[in-house]
Amino acid sequence: MTFITTLDVIPGRADELLNTIKVLKIPEGIKIREFLSLFGKPDFVLIFEAPDEEKAMNFILKFVAYAVPKTSLGVNVEFS
């Protein structure tokens, strides 16, 4: 399953968020596909894969001390 999370950084916590991501031990079953910094709001976008919603939620909870996350499930669109 692919999840897309936007992160609005809590003012003054950006460096802590980036340091957390750099040293974070990625949980088994989680694969980070992209971590992007944006100009404007939201501040960051994290695209990752997880086997289920529970595992995704537990992963995203690691960032709530530094940012307000909003997560959506991404679904592939098939073109013929």
PDB file of N, CA and C in Angstrom:
ATOM      1  N   MET A   1       0.839  -1.162   0.000  1.00  0.00           N
ATOM      2  CA  MET A   1       0.000   0.000   0.000  1.00  0.00           C
ATOM      3  C   MET A   1       0.894   1.238   0.000  1.00  0.00           C
ATOM      4  N   THR A   2       0.508   2.227  -0.788  1.00  0.00           N
ATOM      5  CA  THR A   2       1.254   3.475  -0.867  1.00  0.00           C
ATOM      6  C   THR A   2       0.532   4.556  -0.079  1.00  0.00           C
ATOM      7  N   PHE A   3       1.277   5.251   0.761  1.00  0.00           N
ATOM      8  CA  PHE A   3       0.729   6.334   1.573  1.00  0.00           C
ATOM      9  C   PHE A   3       1.450   7.633   1.244  1.00  0.00           C
ATOM     10  N   ILE A   4       0.696   8.731   1.237  1.00  0.00           N
ATOM     11  CA  ILE A   4       1.246  10.057   0.997  1.00  0.00           C
ATOM     12  C   ILE A   4       0.942  10.889   2.234  1.00  0.00           C
ATOM     13  N   THR A   5       1.992  11.398   2.872  1.00  0.00           N
ATOM     14  CA  THR A   5       1.837  12.200   4.078  1.00  0.00           C
ATOM     15  C   THR A   5       2.401  13.584   3.840  1.00  0.00           C
ATOM     16  N   THR A   6       1.603  14.604   4.140  1.00  0.00           N
ATOM     17  CA  THR A   6       2.123  15.963   4.155  1.00  0.00           C
ATOM     18  C   THR A   6       2.444  16.311   5.597  1.00  0.00           C
ATOM     19  N   LEU A   7       3.519  17.072   5.774  1.00  0.00           N
ATOM     20  CA  LEU A   7       3.967  17.457   7.113  1.00  0.00           C
ATOM     21  C   LEU A   7       4.061  18.973   7.194  1.00  0.00           C
ATOM     22  N   ASP A   8       3.243  19.574   8.034  1.00  0.00           N
ATOM     23  CA  ASP A   8       3.343  21.001   8.343  1.00  0.00           C
ATOM     24  C   ASP A   8       4.155  21.116   9.625  1.00  0.00           C
ATOM     25  N   VAL A   9       5.359  21.638   9.500  1.00  0.00           N
ATOM     26  CA  VAL A   9       6.277  21.693  10.631  1.00  0.00           C
ATOM     27  C   VAL A   9       5.766  22.662  11.690  1.00  0.00           C
ATOM     28  N   ILE A  10       5.876  22.249  12.938  1.00  0.00           N
ATOM     29  CA  ILE A  10       5.581  23.128  14.061  1.00  0.00           C
ATOM     30  C   ILE A  10       6.690  24.184  14.090  1.00  0.00           C
ATOM     31  N   PRO A  11       6.341  25.479  14.183  1.00  0.00           N
ATOM     32  CA  PRO A  11       7.377  26.519  14.142  1.00  0.00           C
ATOM     33  C   PRO A  11       8.534  26.230  15.102  1.00  0.00           C
ATOM     34  N   GLY A  12       9.754  26.342  14.558  1.00  0.00           N
ATOM     35  CA  GLY A  12      10.966  26.118  15.333  1.00  0.00           C
ATOM     36  C   GLY A  12      11.401  24.671  15.449  1.00  0.00           C
ATOM     37  N   ARG A  13      10.674  23.746  14.833  1.00  0.00           N
ATOM     38  CA  ARG A  13      10.977  22.315  14.987  1.00  0.00           C
ATOM     39  C   ARG A  13      11.509  21.662  13.700  1.00  0.00           C
ATOM     40  N   ALA A  14      11.766  22.445  12.660  1.00  0.00           N
ATOM     41  CA  ALA A  14      12.194  21.874  11.374  1.00  0.00           C
ATOM     42  C   ALA A  14      13.505  21.102  11.493  1.00  0.00           C
ATOM     43  N   ASP A  15      14.489  21.677  12.185  1.00  0.00           N
ATOM     44  CA  ASP A  15      15.778  20.985  12.320  1.00  0.00           C
ATOM     45  C   ASP A  15      15.623  19.668  13.063  1.00  0.00           C
ATOM     46  N   GLU A  16      14.777  19.654  14.082  1.00  0.00           N
ATOM     47  CA  GLU A  16      14.539  18.414  14.833  1.00  0.00           C
ATOM     48  C   GLU A  16      13.873  17.358  13.949  1.00  0.00           C
ATOM     49  N   LEU A  17      12.934  17.790  13.126  1.00  0.00           N
ATOM     50  CA  LEU A  17      12.275  16.850  12.210  1.00  0.00           C
ATOM     51  C   LEU A  17      13.295  16.245  11.256  1.00  0.00           C
ATOM     52  N   LEU A  18      14.126  17.085  10.654  1.00  0.00           N
ATOM     53  CA  LEU A  18      15.119  16.584   9.701  1.00  0.00           C
ATOM     54  C   LEU A  18      16.125  15.659  10.384  1.00  0.00           C
ATOM     55  N   ASN A  19      16.556  16.004  11.581  1.00  0.00           N
ATOM     56  CA  ASN A  19      17.485  15.122  12.309  1.00  0.00           C
ATOM     57  C   ASN A  19      16.830  13.792  12.639  1.00  0.00           C
ATOM     58  N   THR A  20      15.563  13.817  13.015  1.00  0.00           N
ATOM     59  CA  THR A  20      14.844  12.579  13.315  1.00  0.00           C
ATOM     60  C   THR A  20      14.785  11.686  12.088  1.00  0.00           C
ATOM     61  N   ILE A  21      14.492  12.275  10.943  1.00  0.00           N
ATOM     62  CA  ILE A  21      14.394  11.483   9.711  1.00  0.00           C
ATOM     63  C   ILE A  21      15.755  10.898   9.332  1.00  0.00           C
ATOM     64  N   LYS A  22      16.821  11.657   9.533  1.00  0.00           N
ATOM     65  CA  LYS A  22      18.162  11.185   9.170  1.00  0.00           C
ATOM     66  C   LYS A  22      18.595   9.986  10.001  1.00  0.00           C
ATOM     67  N   VAL A  23      18.243   9.960  11.279  1.00  0.00           N
ATOM     68  CA  VAL A  23      18.714   8.879  12.154  1.00  0.00           C
ATOM     69  C   VAL A  23      17.646   7.818  12.423  1.00  0.00           C
ATOM     70  N   LEU A  24      16.479   8.006  11.843  1.00  0.00           N
ATOM     71  CA  LEU A  24      15.356   7.103  12.095  1.00  0.00           C
ATOM     72  C   LEU A  24      15.659   5.691  11.609  1.00  0.00           C
ATOM     73  N   LYS A  25      15.426   4.730  12.462  1.00  0.00           N
ATOM     74  CA  LYS A  25      15.500   3.331  12.041  1.00  0.00           C
ATOM     75  C   LYS A  25      14.156   3.009  11.394  1.00  0.00           C
ATOM     76  N   ILE A  26      14.182   2.755  10.106  1.00  0.00           N
ATOM     77  CA  ILE A  26      12.953   2.497   9.368  1.00  0.00           C
ATOM     78  C   ILE A  26      12.397   1.151   9.827  1.00  0.00           C
ATOM     79  N   PRO A  27      11.150   1.137  10.282  1.00  0.00           N
ATOM     80  CA  PRO A  27      10.560  -0.124  10.749  1.00  0.00           C
ATOM     81  C   PRO A  27      10.456  -1.156   9.616  1.00  0.00           C
ATOM     82  N   GLU A  28      10.513  -2.415   9.997  1.00  0.00           N
ATOM     83  CA  GLU A  28      10.357  -3.487   9.024  1.00  0.00           C
ATOM     84  C   GLU A  28       8.995  -3.350   8.347  1.00  0.00           C
ATOM     85  N   GLY A  29       8.989  -3.500   7.035  1.00  0.00           N
ATOM     86  CA  GLY A  29       7.748  -3.399   6.273  1.00  0.00           C
ATOM     87  C   GLY A  29       7.496  -2.014   5.704  1.00  0.00           C
ATOM     88  N   ILE A  30       8.264  -1.007   6.138  1.00  0.00           N
ATOM     89  CA  ILE A  30       8.118   0.358   5.639  1.00  0.00           C
ATOM     90  C   ILE A  30       9.209   0.621   4.609  1.00  0.00           C
ATOM     91  N   LYS A  31       8.820   1.190   3.486  1.00  0.00           N
ATOM     92  CA  LYS A  31       9.785   1.576   2.457  1.00  0.00           C
ATOM     93  C   LYS A  31       9.502   3.017   2.073  1.00  0.00           C
ATOM     94  N   ILE A  32      10.459   3.901   2.327  1.00  0.00           N
ATOM     95  CA  ILE A  32      10.294   5.304   1.942  1.00  0.00           C
ATOM     96  C   ILE A  32      10.630   5.431   0.471  1.00  0.00           C
ATOM     97  N   ARG A  33       9.674   5.950  -0.300  1.00  0.00           N
ATOM     98  CA  ARG A  33       9.889   6.145  -1.733  1.00  0.00           C
ATOM     99  C   ARG A  33      10.392   7.545  -2.036  1.00  0.00           C
ATOM    100  N   GLU A  34       9.851   8.553  -1.348  1.00  0.00           N
ATOM    101  CA  GLU A  34      10.268   9.944  -1.560  1.00  0.00           C
ATOM    102  C   GLU A  34      10.099  10.714  -0.262  1.00  0.00           C
ATOM    103  N   PHE A  35      11.013  11.634  -0.010  1.00  0.00           N
ATOM    104  CA  PHE A  35      10.853  12.618   1.058  1.00  0.00           C
ATOM    105  C   PHE A  35      11.247  13.944   0.435  1.00  0.00           C
ATOM    106  N   LEU A  36      10.274  14.814   0.261  1.00  0.00           N
ATOM    107  CA  LEU A  36      10.486  16.050  -0.479  1.00  0.00           C
ATOM    108  C   LEU A  36      10.236  17.265   0.390  1.00  0.00           C
ATOM    109  N   SER A  37      11.110  18.252   0.271  1.00  0.00           N
ATOM    110  CA  SER A  37      10.895  19.553   0.886  1.00  0.00           C
ATOM    111  C   SER A  37      10.168  20.404  -0.148  1.00  0.00           C
ATOM    112  N   LEU A  38       9.180  21.160   0.302  1.00  0.00           N
ATOM    113  CA  LEU A  38       8.390  21.979  -0.610  1.00  0.00           C
ATOM    114  C   LEU A  38       8.602  23.454  -0.307  1.00  0.00           C
ATOM    115  N   PHE A  39       8.485  24.287  -1.335  1.00  0.00           N
ATOM    116  CA  PHE A  39       8.452  25.726  -1.134  1.00  0.00           C
ATOM    117  C   PHE A  39       7.014  26.092  -0.834  1.00  0.00           C
ATOM    118  N   GLY A  40       6.746  26.544   0.363  1.00  0.00           N
ATOM    119  CA  GLY A  40       5.376  26.861   0.757  1.00  0.00           C
ATOM    120  C   GLY A  40       4.825  25.775   1.649  1.00  0.00           C
ATOM    121  N   LYS A  41       3.534  25.791   1.820  1.00  0.00           N
ATOM    122  CA  LYS A  41       2.861  24.830   2.694  1.00  0.00           C
ATOM    123  C   LYS A  41       2.216  23.748   1.851  1.00  0.00           C
ATOM    124  N   PRO A  42       2.231  22.509   2.256  1.00  0.00           N
ATOM    125  CA  PRO A  42       2.902  21.975   3.434  1.00  0.00           C
ATOM    126  C   PRO A  42       4.421  22.058   3.271  1.00  0.00           C
ATOM    127  N   ASP A  43       5.140  21.828   4.348  1.00  0.00           N
ATOM    128  CA  ASP A  43       6.599  21.951   4.328  1.00  0.00           C
ATOM    129  C   ASP A  43       7.292  20.755   3.687  1.00  0.00           C
ATOM    130  N   PHE A  44       6.735  19.554   3.924  1.00  0.00           N
ATOM    131  CA  PHE A  44       7.343  18.335   3.403  1.00  0.00           C
ATOM    132  C   PHE A  44       6.261  17.375   2.924  1.00  0.00           C
ATOM    133  N   VAL A  45       6.651  16.483   2.002  1.00  0.00           N
ATOM    134  CA  VAL A  45       5.796  15.384   1.561  1.00  0.00           C
ATOM    135  C   VAL A  45       6.613  14.109   1.711  1.00  0.00           C
ATOM    136  N   LEU A  46       5.997  13.120   2.321  1.00  0.00           N
ATOM    137  CA  LEU A  46       6.625  11.813   2.516  1.00  0.00           C
ATOM    138  C   LEU A  46       5.754  10.780   1.818  1.00  0.00           C
ATOM    139  N   ILE A  47       6.342  10.075   0.874  1.00  0.00           N
ATOM    140  CA  ILE A  47       5.638   9.005   0.165  1.00  0.00           C
ATOM    141  C   ILE A  47       6.312   7.702   0.570  1.00  0.00           C
ATOM    142  N   PHE A  48       5.505   6.793   1.095  1.00  0.00           N
ATOM    143  CA  PHE A  48       6.081   5.549   1.590  1.00  0.00           C
ATOM    144  C   PHE A  48       5.117   4.386   1.374  1.00  0.00           C
ATOM    145  N   GLU A  49       5.670   3.199   1.476  1.00  0.00           N
ATOM    146  CA  GLU A  49       4.879   1.977   1.373  1.00  0.00           C
ATOM    147  C   GLU A  49       4.834   1.309   2.740  1.00  0.00           C
ATOM    148  N   ALA A  50       3.680   0.748   3.046  1.00  0.00           N
ATOM    149  CA  ALA A  50       3.488  -0.007   4.285  1.00  0.00           C
ATOM    150  C   ALA A  50       2.516  -1.143   3.987  1.00  0.00           C
ATOM    151  N   PRO A  51       2.607  -2.234   4.731  1.00  0.00           N
ATOM    152  CA  PRO A  51       1.738  -3.373   4.454  1.00  0.00           C
ATOM    153  C   PRO A  51       0.271  -3.128   4.821  1.00  0.00           C
ATOM    154  N   ASP A  52       0.026  -2.200   5.759  1.00  0.00           N
ATOM    155  CA  ASP A  52      -1.354  -1.932   6.178  1.00  0.00           C
ATOM    156  C   ASP A  52      -1.433  -0.571   6.861  1.00  0.00           C
ATOM    157  N   GLU A  53      -2.659  -0.134   7.149  1.00  0.00           N
ATOM    158  CA  GLU A  53      -2.888   1.175   7.745  1.00  0.00           C
ATOM    159  C   GLU A  53      -2.294   1.284   9.147  1.00  0.00           C
ATOM    160  N   GLU A  54      -2.363   0.221   9.923  1.00  0.00           N
ATOM    161  CA  GLU A  54      -1.840   0.263  11.290  1.00  0.00           C
ATOM    162  C   GLU A  54      -0.337   0.515  11.293  1.00  0.00           C
ATOM    163  N   LYS A  55       0.380  -0.182  10.433  1.00  0.00           N
ATOM    164  CA  LYS A  55       1.831  -0.004  10.351  1.00  0.00           C
ATOM    165  C   LYS A  55       2.166   1.414   9.872  1.00  0.00           C
ATOM    166  N   ALA A  56       1.380   1.917   8.918  1.00  0.00           N
ATOM    167  CA  ALA A  56       1.585   3.278   8.424  1.00  0.00           C
ATOM    168  C   ALA A  56       1.358   4.289   9.537  1.00  0.00           C
ATOM    169  N   MET A  57       0.289   4.133  10.298  1.00  0.00           N
ATOM    170  CA  MET A  57      -0.025   5.059  11.378  1.00  0.00           C
ATOM    171  C   MET A  57       1.080   5.059  12.437  1.00  0.00           C
ATOM    172  N   ASN A  58       1.543   3.884  12.824  1.00  0.00           N
ATOM    173  CA  ASN A  58       2.613   3.795  13.822  1.00  0.00           C
ATOM    174  C   ASN A  58       3.888   4.486  13.338  1.00  0.00           C
ATOM    175  N   PHE A  59       4.156   4.403  12.044  1.00  0.00           N
ATOM    176  CA  PHE A  59       5.324   5.068  11.462  1.00  0.00           C
ATOM    177  C   PHE A  59       5.154   6.586  11.512  1.00  0.00           C
ATOM    178  N   ILE A  60       4.017   7.086  11.095  1.00  0.00           N
ATOM    179  CA  ILE A  60       3.773   8.531  11.044  1.00  0.00           C
ATOM    180  C   ILE A  60       3.756   9.147  12.447  1.00  0.00           C
ATOM    181  N   LEU A  61       3.339   8.388  13.434  1.00  0.00           N
ATOM    182  CA  LEU A  61       3.304   8.920  14.802  1.00  0.00           C
ATOM    183  C   LEU A  61       4.684   9.325  15.309  1.00  0.00           C
ATOM    184  N   LYS A  62       5.744   8.852  14.668  1.00  0.00           N
ATOM    185  CA  LYS A  62       7.102   9.222  15.060  1.00  0.00           C
ATOM    186  C   LYS A  62       7.385  10.700  14.797  1.00  0.00           C
ATOM    187  N   PHE A  63       6.553  11.352  13.976  1.00  0.00           N
ATOM    188  CA  PHE A  63       6.815  12.731  13.567  1.00  0.00           C
ATOM    189  C   PHE A  63       5.920  13.770  14.231  1.00  0.00           C
ATOM    190  N   VAL A  64       4.948  13.357  15.033  1.00  0.00           N
ATOM    191  CA  VAL A  64       3.963  14.307  15.554  1.00  0.00           C
ATOM    192  C   VAL A  64       4.540  15.304  16.562  1.00  0.00           C
ATOM    193  N   ALA A  65       5.701  15.045  17.117  1.00  0.00           N
ATOM    194  CA  ALA A  65       6.321  16.021  18.016  1.00  0.00           C
ATOM    195  C   ALA A  65       6.895  17.210  17.247  1.00  0.00           C
ATOM    196  N   TYR A  66       7.063  17.051  15.932  1.00  0.00           N
ATOM    197  CA  TYR A  66       7.730  18.062  15.118  1.00  0.00           C
ATOM    198  C   TYR A  66       6.850  18.661  14.035  1.00  0.00           C
ATOM    199  N   ALA A  67       5.772  17.969  13.669  1.00  0.00           N
ATOM    200  CA  ALA A  67       4.954  18.421  12.549  1.00  0.00           C
ATOM    201  C   ALA A  67       3.533  17.878  12.681  1.00  0.00           C
ATOM    202  N   VAL A  68       2.633  18.528  11.969  1.00  0.00           N
ATOM    203  CA  VAL A  68       1.252  18.055  11.893  1.00  0.00           C
ATOM    204  C   VAL A  68       1.134  17.247  10.594  1.00  0.00           C
ATOM    205  N   PRO A  69       0.943  15.925  10.719  1.00  0.00           N
ATOM    206  CA  PRO A  69       0.854  15.086   9.518  1.00  0.00           C
ATOM    207  C   PRO A  69      -0.585  14.948   9.025  1.00  0.00           C
ATOM    208  N   LYS A  70      -0.708  14.812   7.719  1.00  0.00           N
ATOM    209  CA  LYS A  70      -1.982  14.457   7.082  1.00  0.00           C
ATOM    210  C   LYS A  70      -1.647  13.365   6.078  1.00  0.00           C
ATOM    211  N   THR A  71      -2.262  12.202   6.258  1.00  0.00           N
ATOM    212  CA  THR A  71      -1.903  11.035   5.456  1.00  0.00           C
ATOM    213  C   THR A  71      -3.091  10.545   4.656  1.00  0.00           C
ATOM    214  N   SER A  72      -2.816  10.190   3.402  1.00  0.00           N
ATOM    215  CA  SER A  72      -3.820   9.617   2.514  1.00  0.00           C
ATOM    216  C   SER A  72      -3.273   8.324   1.922  1.00  0.00           C
ATOM    217  N   LEU A  73      -4.182   7.437   1.592  1.00  0.00           N
ATOM    218  CA  LEU A  73      -3.823   6.209   0.890  1.00  0.00           C
ATOM    219  C   LEU A  73      -3.826   6.518  -0.601  1.00  0.00           C
ATOM    220  N   GLY A  74      -2.727   6.208  -1.261  1.00  0.00           N
ATOM    221  CA  GLY A  74      -2.642   6.398  -2.708  1.00  0.00           C
ATOM    222  C   GLY A  74      -3.036   5.124  -3.430  1.00  0.00           C
ATOM    223  N   VAL A  75      -3.845   5.272  -4.464  1.00  0.00           N
ATOM    224  CA  VAL A  75      -4.312   4.128  -5.240  1.00  0.00           C
ATOM    225  C   VAL A  75      -3.871   4.340  -6.700  1.00  0.00           C
ATOM    226  N   ASN A  76      -3.215   3.325  -7.252  1.00  0.00           N
ATOM    227  CA  ASN A  76      -2.764   3.404  -8.644  1.00  0.00           C
ATOM    228  C   ASN A  76      -3.962   3.506  -9.580  1.00  0.00           C
ATOM    229  N   VAL A  77      -3.817   4.356 -10.579  1.00  0.00           N
ATOM    230  CA  VAL A  77      -4.827   4.512 -11.611  1.00  0.00           C
ATOM    231  C   VAL A  77      -4.295   3.830 -12.872  1.00  0.00           C
ATOM    232  N   GLU A  78      -5.042   2.875 -13.377  1.00  0.00           N
ATOM    233  CA  GLU A  78      -4.647   2.152 -14.576  1.00  0.00           C
ATOM    234  C   GLU A  78      -5.165   2.876 -15.818  1.00  0.00           C
ATOM    235  N   PHE A  79      -4.279   3.064 -16.798  1.00  0.00           N
ATOM    236  CA  PHE A  79      -4.661   3.644 -18.068  1.00  0.00           C
ATOM    237  C   PHE A  79      -4.591   2.555 -19.130  1.00  0.00           C
ATOM    238  N   SER A  80      -5.557   2.556 -20.022  1.00  0.00           N
ATOM    239  CA  SER A  80      -5.512   1.525 -21.065  1.00  0.00           C
ATOM    240  C   SER A  80      -5.060   2.097 -22.375  1.00  0.00           C
TER     241      SER A  80
END
